[in-house]
């Protein structure tokens, strides 16, 4: 929840400005069904807080590698 909006809304706006898919990582402390029931999105990964630095770096690496493929 970012000042009255959500991370998914921010990602959608950035994708619209970019004019296409944009690999994104959503870091959240929210564990409600709203997060668990997000629509399938091949360009989005959700990671729960607290975030382990090594896990985040591995995720960024994997996503950038797959975006370049």
Protein backbone atom coordinates (compact mmCIF):
# COMPACT_ATOMS: atom_id res chain seq x y z
CA UNK A 1 0.00 0.00 0.00
CA UNK A 2 1.77 3.06 -1.28
CA UNK A 3 0.08 6.33 -0.30
CA UNK A 4 -3.38 5.17 -1.28
CA UNK A 5 -2.37 2.91 -4.17
CA UNK A 6 -0.95 -0.58 -4.45
CA UNK A 7 2.27 -2.03 -5.79
CA UNK A 8 0.36 -3.77 -8.56
CA UNK A 9 -1.17 -0.43 -9.65
CA UNK A 10 2.29 1.15 -9.74
CA UNK A 11 3.62 -1.77 -11.81
CA UNK A 12 0.65 -1.48 -14.22
CA UNK A 13 1.29 2.27 -14.65
CA UNK A 14 5.00 1.70 -15.30
CA UNK A 15 4.20 -1.00 -17.85
CA UNK A 16 1.80 1.36 -19.59
CA UNK A 17 4.48 4.06 -19.77
CA UNK A 18 7.02 1.51 -21.02
CA UNK A 19 4.59 0.36 -23.68
CA UNK A 20 4.90 -3.33 -22.90
CA UNK A 21 5.98 -5.98 -20.47
CA UNK A 22 8.24 -4.99 -17.63
CA UNK A 23 9.79 -7.58 -15.33
CA UNK A 24 8.80 -6.68 -11.77
CA UNK A 25 9.35 -7.89 -8.24
CA UNK A 26 6.68 -7.05 -5.69
CA UNK A 27 8.03 -7.09 -2.14
CA UNK A 28 5.20 -7.24 0.36
CA UNK A 29 4.38 -7.93 3.95
CA UNK A 30 0.79 -8.61 2.92
CA UNK A 31 -0.11 -12.29 3.19
CA UNK A 32 -3.83 -11.92 2.58
CA UNK A 33 -5.70 -13.75 -0.14
CA UNK A 34 -5.42 -10.63 -2.32
CA UNK A 35 -1.72 -11.35 -2.78
CA UNK A 36 -2.10 -15.11 -3.02
CA UNK A 37 -4.82 -14.70 -5.66
CA UNK A 38 -3.03 -12.30 -7.98
CA UNK A 39 -3.59 -13.22 -11.64
CA UNK A 40 -0.86 -15.29 -13.30
CA UNK A 41 1.78 -12.90 -14.67
CA UNK A 42 4.97 -14.24 -16.22
CA UNK A 43 6.66 -10.87 -15.67
CA UNK A 44 5.85 -10.55 -11.97
CA UNK A 45 7.36 -12.27 -8.95
CA UNK A 46 6.08 -11.74 -5.43
CA UNK A 47 8.48 -11.99 -2.52
CA UNK A 48 7.38 -11.76 1.11
CA UNK A 49 9.03 -9.61 3.76
CA UNK A 50 11.33 -9.98 5.51
CA UNK A 51 13.41 -10.41 2.37
CA UNK A 52 16.69 -12.30 2.44
CA UNK A 53 19.27 -10.31 0.43
CA UNK A 54 20.70 -13.38 -1.29
CA UNK A 55 17.22 -14.60 -2.24
CA UNK A 56 16.40 -11.17 -3.72
CA UNK A 57 19.66 -11.02 -5.68
CA UNK A 58 19.05 -14.50 -7.07
CA UNK A 59 15.52 -13.51 -8.09
CA UNK A 60 16.76 -10.35 -9.83
CA UNK A 61 19.42 -12.38 -11.63
CA UNK A 62 16.91 -15.02 -12.75
CA UNK A 63 14.42 -12.43 -13.96
CA UNK A 64 16.96 -10.40 -15.89
CA UNK A 65 18.38 -13.54 -17.48
CA UNK A 66 14.93 -14.72 -18.58
CA UNK A 67 14.00 -11.23 -19.86
CA UNK A 68 17.05 -11.27 -22.12
CA UNK A 69 16.29 -14.74 -23.50
